[in-house]
Amino acid sequence: MKRIALVVAILLLLAMGYASAAPTQWPVAAGGNGHYYEKVYSDANWPEAQVEFSRDQ
């Protein structure tokens, strides 16, 4: 029973990591430009990514 609870807990933690894809700010104080960035998982090349991005705007 403990093993099942451990597996469920690990799966929930992994799922939370994938579900929390909120944009992150790169602060000027850290050498950034104050813009927000979001990690996107895609196999698209650059032209395909541009088309996908323009569709989301």
PDB file of N, CA and C in Angstrom:
ATOM      1  N   MET A   1       0.810  -1.191   0.000  1.00  0.00           N
ATOM      2  CA  MET A   1       0.000   0.000   0.000  1.00  0.00           C
ATOM      3  C   MET A   1       0.863   1.268   0.000  1.00  0.00           C
ATOM      4  N   LYS A   2       1.958   1.252   0.753  1.00  0.00           N
ATOM      5  CA  LYS A   2       2.852   2.412   0.795  1.00  0.00           C
ATOM      6  C   LYS A   2       3.483   2.653  -0.575  1.00  0.00           C
ATOM      7  N   ARG A   3       3.772   1.568  -1.280  1.00  0.00           N
ATOM      8  CA  ARG A   3       4.388   1.694  -2.595  1.00  0.00           C
ATOM      9  C   ARG A   3       3.426   2.374  -3.574  1.00  0.00           C
ATOM     10  N   ILE A   4       2.152   2.018  -3.491  1.00  0.00           N
ATOM     11  CA  ILE A   4       1.150   2.636  -4.366  1.00  0.00           C
ATOM     12  C   ILE A   4       1.022   4.126  -4.044  1.00  0.00           C
ATOM     13  N   ALA A   5       1.006   4.463  -2.767  1.00  0.00           N
ATOM     14  CA  ALA A   5       0.912   5.866  -2.366  1.00  0.00           C
ATOM     15  C   ALA A   5       2.125   6.647  -2.851  1.00  0.00           C
ATOM     16  N   LEU A   6       3.290   6.051  -2.790  1.00  0.00           N
ATOM     17  CA  LEU A   6       4.506   6.705  -3.256  1.00  0.00           C
ATOM     18  C   LEU A   6       4.447   6.942  -4.759  1.00  0.00           C
ATOM     19  N   VAL A   7       4.017   5.954  -5.515  1.00  0.00           N
ATOM     20  CA  VAL A   7       3.910   6.090  -6.971  1.00  0.00           C
ATOM     21  C   VAL A   7       2.900   7.179  -7.324  1.00  0.00           C
ATOM     22  N   VAL A   8       1.770   7.201  -6.644  1.00  0.00           N
ATOM     23  CA  VAL A   8       0.757   8.225  -6.903  1.00  0.00           C
ATOM     24  C   VAL A   8       1.311   9.612  -6.584  1.00  0.00           C
ATOM     25  N   ALA A   9       2.019   9.739  -5.472  1.00  0.00           N
ATOM     26  CA  ALA A   9       2.597  11.027  -5.092  1.00  0.00           C
ATOM     27  C   ALA A   9       3.608  11.507  -6.134  1.00  0.00           C
ATOM     28  N   ILE A  10       4.442  10.609  -6.612  1.00  0.00           N
ATOM     29  CA  ILE A  10       5.434  10.974  -7.631  1.00  0.00           C
ATOM     30  C   ILE A  10       4.741  11.400  -8.919  1.00  0.00           C
ATOM     31  N   LEU A  11       3.730  10.659  -9.338  1.00  0.00           N
ATOM     32  CA  LEU A  11       3.004  11.008 -10.560  1.00  0.00           C
ATOM     33  C   LEU A  11       2.322  12.371 -10.435  1.00  0.00           C
ATOM     34  N   LEU A  12       1.759  12.661  -9.271  1.00  0.00           N
ATOM     35  CA  LEU A  12       1.124  13.963  -9.061  1.00  0.00           C
ATOM     36  C   LEU A  12       2.151  15.091  -9.111  1.00  0.00           C
ATOM     37  N   LEU A  13       3.301  14.882  -8.504  1.00  0.00           N
ATOM     38  CA  LEU A  13       4.347  15.910  -8.543  1.00  0.00           C
ATOM     39  C   LEU A  13       4.831  16.148  -9.972  1.00  0.00           C
ATOM     40  N   LEU A  14       5.000  15.092 -10.730  1.00  0.00           N
ATOM     41  CA  LEU A  14       5.417  15.242 -12.121  1.00  0.00           C
ATOM     42  C   LEU A  14       4.352  15.977 -12.932  1.00  0.00           C
ATOM     43  N   ALA A  15       3.104  15.639 -12.732  1.00  0.00           N
ATOM     44  CA  ALA A  15       2.014  16.291 -13.456  1.00  0.00           C
ATOM     45  C   ALA A  15       1.935  17.771 -13.099  1.00  0.00           C
ATOM     46  N   MET A  16       2.172  18.118 -11.853  1.00  0.00           N
ATOM     47  CA  MET A  16       2.128  19.517 -11.441  1.00  0.00           C
ATOM     48  C   MET A  16       3.239  20.308 -12.119  1.00  0.00           C
ATOM     49  N   GLY A  17       4.390  19.697 -12.297  1.00  0.00           N
ATOM     50  CA  GLY A  17       5.493  20.375 -12.960  1.00  0.00           C
ATOM     51  C   GLY A  17       5.162  20.711 -14.398  1.00  0.00           C
ATOM     52  N   TYR A  18       4.461  19.836 -15.090  1.00  0.00           N
ATOM     53  CA  TYR A  18       4.093  20.094 -16.472  1.00  0.00           C
ATOM     54  C   TYR A  18       2.921  21.065 -16.567  1.00  0.00           C
ATOM     55  N   ALA A  19       2.063  21.093 -15.570  1.00  0.00           N
ATOM     56  CA  ALA A  19       0.873  21.933 -15.617  1.00  0.00           C
ATOM     57  C   ALA A  19       1.171  23.374 -15.218  1.00  0.00           C
ATOM     58  N   SER A  20       2.300  23.618 -14.566  1.00  0.00           N
ATOM     59  CA  SER A  20       2.586  24.963 -14.089  1.00  0.00           C
ATOM     60  C   SER A  20       3.519  25.700 -15.047  1.00  0.00           C
ATOM     61  N   ALA A  21       3.098  25.835 -16.273  1.00  0.00           N
ATOM     62  CA  ALA A  21       3.903  26.509 -17.287  1.00  0.00           C
ATOM     63  C   ALA A  21       3.490  27.974 -17.382  1.00  0.00           C
ATOM     64  N   ALA A  22       3.719  28.709 -16.322  1.00  0.00           N
ATOM     65  CA  ALA A  22       3.378  30.129 -16.305  1.00  0.00           C
ATOM     66  C   ALA A  22       4.561  30.929 -16.843  1.00  0.00           C
ATOM     67  N   PRO A  23       4.279  32.025 -17.534  1.00  0.00           N
ATOM     68  CA  PRO A  23       5.380  32.883 -18.000  1.00  0.00           C
ATOM     69  C   PRO A  23       6.216  33.385 -16.821  1.00  0.00           C
ATOM     70  N   THR A  24       7.507  33.493 -17.043  1.00  0.00           N
ATOM     71  CA  THR A  24       8.448  33.920 -16.011  1.00  0.00           C
ATOM     72  C   THR A  24       9.130  35.206 -16.462  1.00  0.00           C
ATOM     73  N   GLN A  25       9.230  36.170 -15.563  1.00  0.00           N
ATOM     74  CA  GLN A  25       9.877  37.432 -15.909  1.00  0.00           C
ATOM     75  C   GLN A  25      11.385  37.316 -15.718  1.00  0.00           C
ATOM     76  N   TRP A  26      12.141  37.897 -16.658  1.00  0.00           N
ATOM     77  CA  TRP A  26      13.586  37.998 -16.550  1.00  0.00           C
ATOM     78  C   TRP A  26      13.873  39.411 -16.034  1.00  0.00           C
ATOM     79  N   PRO A  27      14.073  39.566 -14.724  1.00  0.00           N
ATOM     80  CA  PRO A  27      14.193  40.898 -14.137  1.00  0.00           C
ATOM     81  C   PRO A  27      15.440  41.657 -14.591  1.00  0.00           C
ATOM     82  N   VAL A  28      15.296  42.967 -14.696  1.00  0.00           N
ATOM     83  CA  VAL A  28      16.418  43.822 -15.066  1.00  0.00           C
ATOM     84  C   VAL A  28      17.526  43.703 -14.023  1.00  0.00           C
ATOM     85  N   ALA A  29      17.154  43.576 -12.763  1.00  0.00           N
ATOM     86  CA  ALA A  29      18.139  43.459 -11.683  1.00  0.00           C
ATOM     87  C   ALA A  29      19.002  42.214 -11.830  1.00  0.00           C
ATOM     88  N   ALA A  30      18.501  41.213 -12.561  1.00  0.00           N
ATOM     89  CA  ALA A  30      19.265  39.981 -12.778  1.00  0.00           C
ATOM     90  C   ALA A  30      19.965  40.001 -14.136  1.00  0.00           C
ATOM     91  N   GLY A  31      20.023  41.172 -14.758  1.00  0.00           N
ATOM     92  CA  GLY A  31      20.687  41.280 -16.059  1.00  0.00           C
ATOM     93  C   GLY A  31      19.741  41.079 -17.228  1.00  0.00           C
ATOM     94  N   GLY A  32      18.452  40.955 -16.947  1.00  0.00           N
ATOM     95  CA  GLY A  32      17.473  40.730 -18.011  1.00  0.00           C
ATOM     96  C   GLY A  32      16.928  42.032 -18.564  1.00  0.00           C
ATOM     97  N   ASN A  33      15.821  41.906 -19.297  1.00  0.00           N
ATOM     98  CA  ASN A  33      15.219  43.063 -19.934  1.00  0.00           C
ATOM     99  C   ASN A  33      13.807  43.342 -19.420  1.00  0.00           C
ATOM    100  N   GLY A  34      13.360  42.629 -18.392  1.00  0.00           N
ATOM    101  CA  GLY A  34      12.041  42.830 -17.819  1.00  0.00           C
ATOM    102  C   GLY A  34      10.923  42.139 -18.580  1.00  0.00           C
ATOM    103  N   HIS A  35      11.254  41.455 -19.657  1.00  0.00           N
ATOM    104  CA  HIS A  35      10.240  40.753 -20.447  1.00  0.00           C
ATOM    105  C   HIS A  35       9.879  39.420 -19.796  1.00  0.00           C
ATOM    106  N   TYR A  36       8.725  38.890 -20.202  1.00  0.00           N
ATOM    107  CA  TYR A  36       8.264  37.589 -19.718  1.00  0.00           C
ATOM    108  C   TYR A  36       8.531  36.527 -20.772  1.00  0.00           C
ATOM    109  N   TYR A  37       8.914  35.341 -20.322  1.00  0.00           N
ATOM    110  CA  TYR A  37       9.204  34.228 -21.222  1.00  0.00           C
ATOM    111  C   TYR A  37       8.453  32.995 -20.747  1.00  0.00           C
ATOM    112  N   GLU A  38       8.059  32.171 -21.700  1.00  0.00           N
ATOM    113  CA  GLU A  38       7.350  30.941 -21.390  1.00  0.00           C
ATOM    114  C   GLU A  38       7.966  29.809 -22.192  1.00  0.00           C
ATOM    115  N   LYS A  39       8.294  28.741 -21.512  1.00  0.00           N
ATOM    116  CA  LYS A  39       8.859  27.580 -22.193  1.00  0.00           C
ATOM    117  C   LYS A  39       7.748  26.867 -22.950  1.00  0.00           C
ATOM    118  N   VAL A  40       8.022  26.579 -24.204  1.00  0.00           N
ATOM    119  CA  VAL A  40       7.044  25.907 -25.062  1.00  0.00           C
ATOM    120  C   VAL A  40       7.690  24.649 -25.613  1.00  0.00           C
ATOM    121  N   TYR A  41       6.999  23.534 -25.468  1.00  0.00           N
ATOM    122  CA  TYR A  41       7.506  22.273 -25.992  1.00  0.00           C
ATOM    123  C   TYR A  41       6.939  22.071 -27.384  1.00  0.00           C
ATOM    124  N   SER A  42       7.818  21.998 -28.380  1.00  0.00           N
ATOM    125  CA  SER A  42       7.368  21.849 -29.758  1.00  0.00           C
ATOM    126  C   SER A  42       8.501  21.282 -30.603  1.00  0.00           C
ATOM    127  N   ASP A  43       8.132  20.534 -31.606  1.00  0.00           N
ATOM    128  CA  ASP A  43       9.109  20.026 -32.581  1.00  0.00           C
ATOM    129  C   ASP A  43       9.122  20.891 -33.837  1.00  0.00           C
ATOM    130  N   ALA A  44       8.448  22.039 -33.787  1.00  0.00           N
ATOM    131  CA  ALA A  44       8.335  22.910 -34.955  1.00  0.00           C
ATOM    132  C   ALA A  44       9.670  23.574 -35.262  1.00  0.00           C
ATOM    133  N   ASN A  45       9.903  23.824 -36.546  1.00  0.00           N
ATOM    134  CA  ASN A  45      11.073  24.609 -36.931  1.00  0.00           C
ATOM    135  C   ASN A  45      10.698  26.091 -36.811  1.00  0.00           C
ATOM    136  N   TRP A  46      11.640  26.988 -37.112  1.00  0.00           N
ATOM    137  CA  TRP A  46      11.412  28.417 -36.892  1.00  0.00           C
ATOM    138  C   TRP A  46      10.217  28.950 -37.691  1.00  0.00           C
ATOM    139  N   PRO A  47      10.101  28.708 -39.010  1.00  0.00           N
ATOM    140  CA  PRO A  47       8.929  29.223 -39.740  1.00  0.00           C
ATOM    141  C   PRO A  47       7.605  28.679 -39.194  1.00  0.00           C
ATOM    142  N   GLU A  48       7.566  27.406 -38.827  1.00  0.00           N
ATOM    143  CA  GLU A  48       6.342  26.832 -38.258  1.00  0.00           C
ATOM    144  C   GLU A  48       6.017  27.473 -36.912  1.00  0.00           C
ATOM    145  N   ALA A  49       7.031  27.728 -36.103  1.00  0.00           N
ATOM    146  CA  ALA A  49       6.824  28.346 -34.794  1.00  0.00           C
ATOM    147  C   ALA A  49       6.288  29.767 -34.945  1.00  0.00           C
ATOM    148  N   GLN A  50       6.791  30.513 -35.946  1.00  0.00           N
ATOM    149  CA  GLN A  50       6.291  31.869 -36.179  1.00  0.00           C
ATOM    150  C   GLN A  50       4.811  31.853 -36.555  1.00  0.00           C
ATOM    151  N   VAL A  51       4.419  30.916 -37.404  1.00  0.00           N
ATOM    152  CA  VAL A  51       3.016  30.803 -37.802  1.00  0.00           C
ATOM    153  C   VAL A  51       2.160  30.451 -36.592  1.00  0.00           C
ATOM    154  N   GLU A  52       2.623  29.507 -35.775  1.00  0.00           N
ATOM    155  CA  GLU A  52       1.875  29.102 -34.581  1.00  0.00           C
ATOM    156  C   GLU A  52       1.744  30.272 -33.604  1.00  0.00           C
ATOM    157  N   PHE A  53       2.829  31.023 -33.425  1.00  0.00           N
ATOM    158  CA  PHE A  53       2.798  32.170 -32.511  1.00  0.00           C
ATOM    159  C   PHE A  53       1.811  33.219 -32.993  1.00  0.00           C
ATOM    160  N   SER A  54       1.837  33.535 -34.279  1.00  0.00           N
ATOM    161  CA  SER A  54       0.949  34.576 -34.798  1.00  0.00           C
ATOM    162  C   SER A  54      -0.517  34.146 -34.679  1.00  0.00           C
ATOM    163  N   ARG A  55      -0.769  32.866 -34.718  1.00  0.00           N
ATOM    164  CA  ARG A  55      -2.126  32.347 -34.555  1.00  0.00           C
ATOM    165  C   ARG A  55      -2.613  32.537 -33.115  1.00  0.00           C
ATOM    166  N   ASP A  56      -1.682  32.498 -32.135  1.00  0.00           N
ATOM    167  CA  ASP A  56      -2.039  32.614 -30.716  1.00  0.00           C
ATOM    168  C   ASP A  56      -2.260  34.066 -30.286  1.00  0.00           C
ATOM    169  N   GLN A  57      -1.858  35.019 -31.087  1.00  0.00           N
ATOM    170  CA  GLN A  57      -1.945  36.446 -30.703  1.00  0.00           C
ATOM    171  C   GLN A  57      -3.300  37.015 -30.936  1.00  0.00           C
TER     172      GLN A  57
END
